[in-house]
Amino acid sequence: MNESLEDAILYTKKYIEDLLSFFGLNTDVYATSEDEEVIEVNVPSTHMNGFLIGQHGDTVRALQFLVSNALKNQNFTHNRVNVDVADYKKQRADHLAETAQEWIKKVKDTGEPYALNPMNAADRRTIHRVAGDAGLASDSAGEGRDRHVVLKPAEE
């Protein structure tokens, strides 16, 4: 077992940089871990942002999956990775949190549960956090690609 978090971070950084150089992009990638759990990787903004992010963030999630599996295959104990390109995920989470305020208001005004459209795990986590901060309850429902958040009035 590869135990060192620093080794996992260095491996992750080199892996992504090597992968990007495959596409002709030689850039310095920033990799850290603030919580000892997840390796945060930030690819700076370049002319290839659209390509690296992909439609609805699909490519950036695929990069994340590749790196995580590479770490597992090298027997690193730290293999949870969050890859972000040009702060796409951060901006998306901020925008989603803003949009969620309308859904939260709707639930508070009507007192009725409100089921959102299916979304990926990262977006669901954002909604759960925002709903909790606003005093609402939230659950995930459905399976696979149909998994979605249901916002509900908090139980008294």
C-alpha atoms as a PDB file:
ATOM      1  CA  MET A   1       0.000   0.000   0.000  1.00  0.00           C
ATOM      2  CA  ASN A   2       1.203   3.474  -0.869  1.00  0.00           C
ATOM      3  CA  GLU A   3       0.414   5.348   2.342  1.00  0.00           C
ATOM      4  CA  SER A   4       1.687   8.878   1.849  1.00  0.00           C
ATOM      5  CA  LEU A   5      -0.817  11.568   0.932  1.00  0.00           C
ATOM      6  CA  GLU A   6       2.033  13.659  -0.501  1.00  0.00           C
ATOM      7  CA  ASP A   7       3.007  10.786  -2.821  1.00  0.00           C
ATOM      8  CA  ALA A   8      -0.611  10.442  -3.963  1.00  0.00           C
ATOM      9  CA  ILE A   9      -0.787  14.195  -4.647  1.00  0.00           C
ATOM     10  CA  LEU A  10       2.465  14.134  -6.644  1.00  0.00           C
ATOM     11  CA  TYR A  11       1.310  11.076  -8.608  1.00  0.00           C
ATOM     12  CA  THR A  12      -2.025  12.780  -9.352  1.00  0.00           C
ATOM     13  CA  LYS A  13      -0.346  16.002 -10.480  1.00  0.00           C
ATOM     14  CA  LYS A  14       2.066  14.160 -12.796  1.00  0.00           C
ATOM     15  CA  TYR A  15      -0.687  11.888 -14.150  1.00  0.00           C
ATOM     16  CA  ILE A  16      -2.915  14.824 -15.145  1.00  0.00           C
ATOM     17  CA  GLU A  17      -0.016  16.832 -16.573  1.00  0.00           C
ATOM     18  CA  ASP A  18       1.090  13.817 -18.654  1.00  0.00           C
ATOM     19  CA  LEU A  19      -2.481  13.263 -19.832  1.00  0.00           C
ATOM     20  CA  LEU A  20      -2.862  16.931 -20.827  1.00  0.00           C
ATOM     21  CA  SER A  21       0.481  16.913 -22.669  1.00  0.00           C
ATOM     22  CA  PHE A  22      -0.981  14.073 -24.751  1.00  0.00           C
ATOM     23  CA  PHE A  23      -3.407  16.692 -26.104  1.00  0.00           C
ATOM     24  CA  GLY A  24      -0.609  19.195 -26.680  1.00  0.00           C
ATOM     25  CA  LEU A  25      -1.338  21.169 -23.519  1.00  0.00           C
ATOM     26  CA  ASN A  26       1.725  21.768 -21.374  1.00  0.00           C
ATOM     27  CA  THR A  27       0.471  23.468 -18.250  1.00  0.00           C
ATOM     28  CA  ASP A  28       1.204  23.404 -14.541  1.00  0.00           C
ATOM     29  CA  VAL A  29      -1.552  21.683 -12.572  1.00  0.00           C
ATOM     30  CA  TYR A  30      -2.185  22.491  -8.904  1.00  0.00           C
ATOM     31  CA  ALA A  31      -2.928  19.561  -6.615  1.00  0.00           C
ATOM     32  CA  THR A  32      -3.516  19.752  -2.864  1.00  0.00           C
ATOM     33  CA  SER A  33      -5.526  18.108  -0.125  1.00  0.00           C
ATOM     34  CA  GLU A  34      -7.043  20.273   2.568  1.00  0.00           C
ATOM     35  CA  ASP A  35      -9.042  17.634   4.407  1.00  0.00           C
ATOM     36  CA  GLU A  36      -6.743  14.568   4.154  1.00  0.00           C
ATOM     37  CA  GLU A  37      -9.646  12.838   2.330  1.00  0.00           C
ATOM     38  CA  VAL A  38      -9.922  14.242  -1.200  1.00  0.00           C
ATOM     39  CA  ILE A  39      -7.130  15.338  -3.530  1.00  0.00           C
ATOM     40  CA  GLU A  40      -8.160  18.641  -5.107  1.00  0.00           C
ATOM     41  CA  VAL A  41      -6.789  19.175  -8.622  1.00  0.00           C
ATOM     42  CA  ASN A  42      -7.093  22.501 -10.375  1.00  0.00           C
ATOM     43  CA  VAL A  43      -6.250  22.834 -14.068  1.00  0.00           C
ATOM     44  CA  PRO A  44      -5.788  26.530 -14.883  1.00  0.00           C
ATOM     45  CA  SER A  45      -7.737  28.263 -17.625  1.00  0.00           C
ATOM     46  CA  THR A  46      -6.374  27.639 -21.140  1.00  0.00           C
ATOM     47  CA  HIS A  47      -7.586  27.696 -24.729  1.00  0.00           C
ATOM     48  CA  MET A  48      -8.754  24.096 -24.187  1.00  0.00           C
ATOM     49  CA  ASN A  49     -11.262  24.762 -21.385  1.00  0.00           C
ATOM     50  CA  GLY A  50     -14.298  23.723 -23.440  1.00  0.00           C
ATOM     51  CA  PHE A  51     -12.634  20.499 -24.563  1.00  0.00           C
ATOM     52  CA  LEU A  52     -11.444  19.598 -21.044  1.00  0.00           C
ATOM     53  CA  ILE A  53     -14.756  20.411 -19.366  1.00  0.00           C
ATOM     54  CA  GLY A  54     -16.954  18.768 -22.000  1.00  0.00           C
ATOM     55  CA  GLN A  55     -20.718  18.934 -22.322  1.00  0.00           C
ATOM     56  CA  HIS A  56     -22.279  19.439 -18.871  1.00  0.00           C
ATOM     57  CA  GLY A  57     -18.886  18.674 -17.277  1.00  0.00           C
ATOM     58  CA  ASP A  58     -18.783  15.109 -18.626  1.00  0.00           C
ATOM     59  CA  THR A  59     -15.118  15.237 -19.662  1.00  0.00           C
ATOM     60  CA  VAL A  60     -13.895  16.713 -16.382  1.00  0.00           C
ATOM     61  CA  ARG A  61     -15.786  13.956 -14.528  1.00  0.00           C
ATOM     62  CA  ALA A  62     -14.186  11.365 -16.828  1.00  0.00           C
ATOM     63  CA  LEU A  63     -10.731  12.818 -16.036  1.00  0.00           C
ATOM     64  CA  GLN A  64     -11.558  12.532 -12.352  1.00  0.00           C
ATOM     65  CA  PHE A  65     -12.600   8.890 -12.807  1.00  0.00           C
ATOM     66  CA  LEU A  66      -9.377   8.093 -14.718  1.00  0.00           C
ATOM     67  CA  VAL A  67      -7.130   9.637 -12.076  1.00  0.00           C
ATOM     68  CA  SER A  68      -8.989   7.960  -9.218  1.00  0.00           C
ATOM     69  CA  ASN A  69      -8.667   4.553 -10.892  1.00  0.00           C
ATOM     70  CA  ALA A  70      -4.977   5.150 -11.646  1.00  0.00           C
ATOM     71  CA  LEU A  71      -4.405   5.862  -7.938  1.00  0.00           C
ATOM     72  CA  LYS A  72      -6.307   2.684  -6.980  1.00  0.00           C
ATOM     73  CA  ASN A  73      -4.290   0.644  -9.487  1.00  0.00           C
ATOM     74  CA  GLN A  74      -1.077   1.974  -7.915  1.00  0.00           C
ATOM     75  CA  ASN A  75      -2.426   0.898  -4.490  1.00  0.00           C
ATOM     76  CA  PHE A  76      -2.685   4.395  -3.047  1.00  0.00           C
ATOM     77  CA  THR A  77      -4.925   4.552   0.013  1.00  0.00           C
ATOM     78  CA  HIS A  78      -5.833   8.149  -0.923  1.00  0.00           C
ATOM     79  CA  ASN A  79      -7.750   7.830  -4.173  1.00  0.00           C
ATOM     80  CA  ARG A  80     -10.659  10.246  -3.939  1.00  0.00           C
ATOM     81  CA  VAL A  81     -10.029  13.033  -6.432  1.00  0.00           C
ATOM     82  CA  ASN A  82     -11.857  16.211  -7.378  1.00  0.00           C
ATOM     83  CA  VAL A  83     -10.689  17.647 -10.713  1.00  0.00           C
ATOM     84  CA  ASP A  84     -11.725  21.175 -11.675  1.00  0.00           C
ATOM     85  CA  VAL A  85     -10.878  22.974 -14.908  1.00  0.00           C
ATOM     86  CA  ALA A  86     -10.756  26.795 -14.849  1.00  0.00           C
ATOM     87  CA  ASP A  87     -12.984  26.818 -11.719  1.00  0.00           C
ATOM     88  CA  TYR A  88     -15.869  25.340 -13.754  1.00  0.00           C
ATOM     89  CA  LYS A  89     -17.174  23.224 -10.868  1.00  0.00           C
ATOM     90  CA  LYS A  90     -16.927  26.083  -8.381  1.00  0.00           C
ATOM     91  CA  GLN A  91     -18.818  28.446 -10.699  1.00  0.00           C
ATOM     92  CA  ARG A  92     -21.399  25.755 -11.422  1.00  0.00           C
ATOM     93  CA  ALA A  93     -21.938  25.109  -7.703  1.00  0.00           C
ATOM     94  CA  ASP A  94     -22.307  28.853  -7.047  1.00  0.00           C
ATOM     95  CA  HIS A  95     -24.837  29.191  -9.880  1.00  0.00           C
ATOM     96  CA  LEU A  96     -26.744  26.099  -8.712  1.00  0.00           C
ATOM     97  CA  ALA A  97     -26.859  27.421  -5.137  1.00  0.00           C
ATOM     98  CA  GLU A  98     -28.306  30.690  -6.471  1.00  0.00           C
ATOM     99  CA  THR A  99     -30.925  28.843  -8.565  1.00  0.00           C
ATOM    100  CA  ALA A 100     -31.814  26.634  -5.591  1.00  0.00           C
ATOM    101  CA  GLN A 101     -33.015  29.710  -3.685  1.00  0.00           C
ATOM    102  CA  GLU A 102     -36.082  29.846  -5.996  1.00  0.00           C
ATOM    103  CA  TRP A 103     -36.874  26.165  -5.324  1.00  0.00           C
ATOM    104  CA  ILE A 104     -36.392  26.683  -1.582  1.00  0.00           C
ATOM    105  CA  LYS A 105     -38.773  29.666  -1.623  1.00  0.00           C
ATOM    106  CA  LYS A 106     -41.352  27.577  -3.498  1.00  0.00           C
ATOM    107  CA  VAL A 107     -41.204  24.805  -0.852  1.00  0.00           C
ATOM    108  CA  LYS A 108     -41.396  27.315   2.017  1.00  0.00           C
ATOM    109  CA  ASP A 109     -44.338  29.146   0.399  1.00  0.00           C
ATOM    110  CA  THR A 110     -46.389  26.050  -0.491  1.00  0.00           C
ATOM    111  CA  GLY A 111     -45.296  23.694   2.293  1.00  0.00           C
ATOM    112  CA  GLU A 112     -45.202  20.957  -0.376  1.00  0.00           C
ATOM    113  CA  PRO A 113     -42.228  18.758  -1.337  1.00  0.00           C
ATOM    114  CA  TYR A 114     -40.554  19.661  -4.617  1.00  0.00           C
ATOM    115  CA  ALA A 115     -38.702  17.096  -6.767  1.00  0.00           C
ATOM    116  CA  LEU A 116     -35.837  18.459  -8.833  1.00  0.00           C
ATOM    117  CA  ASN A 117     -34.625  17.122 -12.163  1.00  0.00           C
ATOM    118  CA  PRO A 118     -31.989  14.359 -12.072  1.00  0.00           C
ATOM    119  CA  MET A 119     -28.452  15.609 -11.444  1.00  0.00           C
ATOM    120  CA  ASN A 120     -24.973  14.297 -10.747  1.00  0.00           C
ATOM    121  CA  ALA A 121     -23.681  13.599  -7.236  1.00  0.00           C
ATOM    122  CA  ALA A 122     -21.706  16.844  -6.922  1.00  0.00           C
ATOM    123  CA  ASP A 123     -24.769  18.929  -7.840  1.00  0.00           C
ATOM    124  CA  ARG A 124     -26.942  16.947  -5.408  1.00  0.00           C
ATOM    125  CA  ARG A 125     -24.417  17.614  -2.610  1.00  0.00           C
ATOM    126  CA  THR A 126     -24.600  21.340  -3.381  1.00  0.00           C
ATOM    127  CA  ILE A 127     -28.416  21.294  -3.205  1.00  0.00           C
ATOM    128  CA  HIS A 128     -28.419  19.302   0.067  1.00  0.00           C
ATOM    129  CA  ARG A 129     -25.974  21.812   1.622  1.00  0.00           C
ATOM    130  CA  VAL A 130     -27.972  24.867   0.473  1.00  0.00           C
ATOM    131  CA  ALA A 131     -31.284  23.326   1.571  1.00  0.00           C
ATOM    132  CA  GLY A 132     -29.866  22.503   5.011  1.00  0.00           C
ATOM    133  CA  ASP A 133     -28.511  26.054   5.364  1.00  0.00           C
ATOM    134  CA  ALA A 134     -32.006  27.356   4.519  1.00  0.00           C
ATOM    135  CA  GLY A 135     -33.689  25.127   7.114  1.00  0.00           C
ATOM    136  CA  LEU A 136     -35.235  22.641   4.675  1.00  0.00           C
ATOM    137  CA  ALA A 137     -35.000  18.870   4.621  1.00  0.00           C
ATOM    138  CA  SER A 138     -33.772  17.136   1.473  1.00  0.00           C
ATOM    139  CA  ASP A 139     -33.486  13.550   0.270  1.00  0.00           C
ATOM    140  CA  SER A 140     -32.029  11.905  -2.803  1.00  0.00           C
ATOM    141  CA  ALA A 141     -34.431   9.619  -4.653  1.00  0.00           C
ATOM    142  CA  GLY A 142     -34.195   7.412  -7.722  1.00  0.00           C
ATOM    143  CA  GLU A 143     -31.389   5.275  -9.097  1.00  0.00           C
ATOM    144  CA  GLY A 144     -28.466   5.901 -11.441  1.00  0.00           C
ATOM    145  CA  ARG A 145     -28.995   8.705 -13.956  1.00  0.00           C
ATOM    146  CA  ASP A 146     -32.521   9.294 -12.571  1.00  0.00           C
ATOM    147  CA  ARG A 147     -31.230  10.143  -9.083  1.00  0.00           C
ATOM    148  CA  HIS A 148     -32.567  13.508  -7.983  1.00  0.00           C
ATOM    149  CA  VAL A 149     -33.131  15.667  -4.916  1.00  0.00           C
ATOM    150  CA  VAL A 150     -36.499  16.156  -3.246  1.00  0.00           C
ATOM    151  CA  LEU A 151     -36.758  19.334  -1.166  1.00  0.00           C
ATOM    152  CA  LYS A 152     -39.196  19.185   1.771  1.00  0.00           C
ATOM    153  CA  PRO A 153     -40.299  21.443   4.593  1.00  0.00           C
ATOM    154  CA  ALA A 154     -38.270  20.703   7.717  1.00  0.00           C
ATOM    155  CA  GLU A 155     -39.926  18.372  10.206  1.00  0.00           C
ATOM    156  CA  GLU A 156     -40.975  20.366  13.247  1.00  0.00           C
END
